[in-house]
Amino acid sequence: MTAARIAQIHKRIERIKAELASIDEMRPGSLSKQFKQPELERGAYYQLNYSHGGRSRTEYVARASLRDVRRQIANYKRFKALTAEWIDLSIEQSRLKMTSASKP
């Protein structure tokens, strides 16, 4: 069972690596719609909020760039999810290898 699970983990890690290699532009953050006159919902504009390098940042996003920024944010979320899964699988793989090595 242990050897089979280690092989499964290895295959999944290889697929994760391939998916990571296919990720294009990315950026962290969340996009929100703001209003210059919130009570009337007039003067809409978009804001990107994110933290990087220990600093919080806010950027304005032009309507023409919205599609690209949304795609970049989605790519970043996918990157984070894949790397978290890779770490979890690596920990499990390491534990299984240590367990099987300690058995006589």
C-alpha atoms as a PDB file:
ATOM      1  CA  MET A   1       0.000   0.000   0.000  1.00  0.00           C
ATOM      2  CA  THR A   2       2.760   2.432   0.911  1.00  0.00           C
ATOM      3  CA  ALA A   3       4.656   2.012  -2.369  1.00  0.00           C
ATOM      4  CA  ALA A   4       1.448   2.410  -4.358  1.00  0.00           C
ATOM      5  CA  ARG A   5       0.530   5.603  -2.483  1.00  0.00           C
ATOM      6  CA  ILE A   6       4.031   7.009  -2.985  1.00  0.00           C
ATOM      7  CA  ALA A   7       3.685   6.339  -6.726  1.00  0.00           C
ATOM      8  CA  GLN A   8       0.287   8.088  -6.757  1.00  0.00           C
ATOM      9  CA  ILE A   9       1.734  11.072  -4.961  1.00  0.00           C
ATOM     10  CA  HIS A  10       4.662  11.239  -7.385  1.00  0.00           C
ATOM     11  CA  LYS A  11       2.318  11.207 -10.401  1.00  0.00           C
ATOM     12  CA  ARG A  12       0.151  13.969  -8.919  1.00  0.00           C
ATOM     13  CA  ILE A  13       3.211  16.105  -8.152  1.00  0.00           C
ATOM     14  CA  GLU A  14       4.352  15.729 -11.760  1.00  0.00           C
ATOM     15  CA  ARG A  15       0.908  16.874 -12.977  1.00  0.00           C
ATOM     16  CA  ILE A  16       1.058  19.843 -10.580  1.00  0.00           C
ATOM     17  CA  LYS A  17       4.465  20.823 -11.985  1.00  0.00           C
ATOM     18  CA  ALA A  18       3.054  20.733 -15.520  1.00  0.00           C
ATOM     19  CA  GLU A  19       0.069  22.865 -14.489  1.00  0.00           C
ATOM     20  CA  LEU A  20       2.361  25.371 -12.772  1.00  0.00           C
ATOM     21  CA  ALA A  21       4.506  25.635 -15.898  1.00  0.00           C
ATOM     22  CA  SER A  22       1.417  26.545 -17.930  1.00  0.00           C
ATOM     23  CA  ILE A  23       0.396  29.469 -15.694  1.00  0.00           C
ATOM     24  CA  ASP A  24       0.909  32.800 -17.439  1.00  0.00           C
ATOM     25  CA  GLU A  25       0.855  36.284 -15.894  1.00  0.00           C
ATOM     26  CA  MET A  26      -0.300  36.491 -12.304  1.00  0.00           C
ATOM     27  CA  ARG A  27      -0.687  38.953  -9.496  1.00  0.00           C
ATOM     28  CA  PRO A  28      -2.060  38.791  -5.963  1.00  0.00           C
ATOM     29  CA  GLY A  29      -4.987  40.798  -4.712  1.00  0.00           C
ATOM     30  CA  SER A  30      -8.666  41.400  -4.851  1.00  0.00           C
ATOM     31  CA  LEU A  31     -10.589  43.663  -7.164  1.00  0.00           C
ATOM     32  CA  SER A  32     -13.416  45.850  -5.933  1.00  0.00           C
ATOM     33  CA  LYS A  33     -15.788  48.328  -7.501  1.00  0.00           C
ATOM     34  CA  GLN A  34     -15.860  51.715  -5.788  1.00  0.00           C
ATOM     35  CA  PHE A  35     -17.979  54.801  -6.322  1.00  0.00           C
ATOM     36  CA  LYS A  36     -17.063  58.482  -6.164  1.00  0.00           C
ATOM     37  CA  GLN A  37     -20.633  59.097  -4.944  1.00  0.00           C
ATOM     38  CA  PRO A  38     -21.512  55.867  -3.102  1.00  0.00           C
ATOM     39  CA  GLU A  39     -24.963  56.971  -2.002  1.00  0.00           C
ATOM     40  CA  LEU A  40     -25.966  57.469  -5.656  1.00  0.00           C
ATOM     41  CA  GLU A  41     -23.708  54.727  -7.038  1.00  0.00           C
ATOM     42  CA  ARG A  42     -22.194  57.163  -9.514  1.00  0.00           C
ATOM     43  CA  GLY A  43     -18.647  57.570 -10.711  1.00  0.00           C
ATOM     44  CA  ALA A  44     -17.719  53.889 -10.621  1.00  0.00           C
ATOM     45  CA  TYR A  45     -14.056  52.880 -10.693  1.00  0.00           C
ATOM     46  CA  TYR A  46     -12.107  49.711  -9.858  1.00  0.00           C
ATOM     47  CA  GLN A  47      -9.471  49.209  -7.207  1.00  0.00           C
ATOM     48  CA  LEU A  48      -6.938  46.417  -6.766  1.00  0.00           C
ATOM     49  CA  ASN A  49      -5.833  45.765  -3.174  1.00  0.00           C
ATOM     50  CA  TYR A  50      -2.945  43.444  -2.339  1.00  0.00           C
ATOM     51  CA  SER A  51      -0.004  42.873  -0.032  1.00  0.00           C
ATOM     52  CA  HIS A  52       3.475  42.132  -1.299  1.00  0.00           C
ATOM     53  CA  GLY A  53       6.818  42.301   0.429  1.00  0.00           C
ATOM     54  CA  GLY A  54       5.141  43.062   3.734  1.00  0.00           C
ATOM     55  CA  ARG A  55       3.431  46.164   2.363  1.00  0.00           C
ATOM     56  CA  SER A  56      -0.208  46.732   1.573  1.00  0.00           C
ATOM     57  CA  ARG A  57      -0.896  48.412  -1.744  1.00  0.00           C
ATOM     58  CA  THR A  58      -3.834  49.819  -3.654  1.00  0.00           C
ATOM     59  CA  GLU A  59      -3.922  50.466  -7.380  1.00  0.00           C
ATOM     60  CA  TYR A  60      -6.583  51.864  -9.631  1.00  0.00           C
ATOM     61  CA  VAL A  61      -7.520  49.664 -12.583  1.00  0.00           C
ATOM     62  CA  ALA A  62      -8.779  51.063 -15.865  1.00  0.00           C
ATOM     63  CA  ARG A  63     -11.883  49.427 -17.332  1.00  0.00           C
ATOM     64  CA  ALA A  64      -9.845  48.391 -20.374  1.00  0.00           C
ATOM     65  CA  SER A  65      -7.539  46.363 -18.096  1.00  0.00           C
ATOM     66  CA  LEU A  66     -10.228  44.631 -16.016  1.00  0.00           C
ATOM     67  CA  ARG A  67     -10.261  41.375 -18.001  1.00  0.00           C
ATOM     68  CA  ASP A  68      -6.472  41.025 -17.801  1.00  0.00           C
ATOM     69  CA  VAL A  69      -6.327  41.845 -14.093  1.00  0.00           C
ATOM     70  CA  ARG A  70      -9.111  39.358 -13.293  1.00  0.00           C
ATOM     71  CA  ARG A  71      -7.250  36.661 -15.260  1.00  0.00           C
ATOM     72  CA  GLN A  72      -3.991  37.480 -13.458  1.00  0.00           C
ATOM     73  CA  ILE A  73      -5.708  37.260 -10.058  1.00  0.00           C
ATOM     74  CA  ALA A  74      -7.285  33.905 -11.002  1.00  0.00           C
ATOM     75  CA  ASN A  75      -3.878  32.635 -12.156  1.00  0.00           C
ATOM     76  CA  TYR A  76      -2.343  33.660  -8.832  1.00  0.00           C
ATOM     77  CA  LYS A  77      -5.071  31.870  -6.873  1.00  0.00           C
ATOM     78  CA  ARG A  78      -4.500  28.754  -8.983  1.00  0.00           C
ATOM     79  CA  PHE A  79      -0.744  29.028  -8.356  1.00  0.00           C
ATOM     80  CA  LYS A  80      -1.267  29.283  -4.598  1.00  0.00           C
ATOM     81  CA  ALA A  81      -3.670  26.315  -4.546  1.00  0.00           C
ATOM     82  CA  LEU A  82      -1.323  24.125  -6.597  1.00  0.00           C
ATOM     83  CA  THR A  83       1.732  24.952  -4.502  1.00  0.00           C
ATOM     84  CA  ALA A  84      -0.196  24.288  -1.280  1.00  0.00           C
ATOM     85  CA  GLU A  85      -1.297  20.908  -2.645  1.00  0.00           C
ATOM     86  CA  TRP A  86       2.278  20.130  -3.715  1.00  0.00           C
ATOM     87  CA  ILE A  87       3.543  20.885  -0.201  1.00  0.00           C
ATOM     88  CA  ASP A  88       0.848  18.710   1.404  1.00  0.00           C
ATOM     89  CA  LEU A  89       1.669  15.824  -0.930  1.00  0.00           C
ATOM     90  CA  SER A  90       5.405  16.216  -0.338  1.00  0.00           C
ATOM     91  CA  ILE A  91       4.913  16.059   3.415  1.00  0.00           C
ATOM     92  CA  GLU A  92       2.786  12.924   3.072  1.00  0.00           C
ATOM     93  CA  GLN A  93       5.331  11.366   0.705  1.00  0.00           C
ATOM     94  CA  SER A  94       8.183  12.117   3.101  1.00  0.00           C
ATOM     95  CA  ARG A  95       6.305  10.587   6.042  1.00  0.00           C
ATOM     96  CA  LEU A  96       5.497   7.453   4.048  1.00  0.00           C
ATOM     97  CA  LYS A  97       9.124   7.056   2.983  1.00  0.00           C
ATOM     98  CA  MET A  98      10.370   7.479   6.553  1.00  0.00           C
ATOM     99  CA  THR A  99       7.801   4.992   7.826  1.00  0.00           C
ATOM    100  CA  SER A 100       8.675   2.381   5.210  1.00  0.00           C
ATOM    101  CA  ALA A 101      12.415   2.871   5.776  1.00  0.00           C
ATOM    102  CA  SER A 102      12.089   2.295   9.537  1.00  0.00           C
ATOM    103  CA  LYS A 103      10.231  -1.022   9.095  1.00  0.00           C
ATOM    104  CA  PRO A 104      12.476  -4.110   9.148  1.00  0.00           C
END
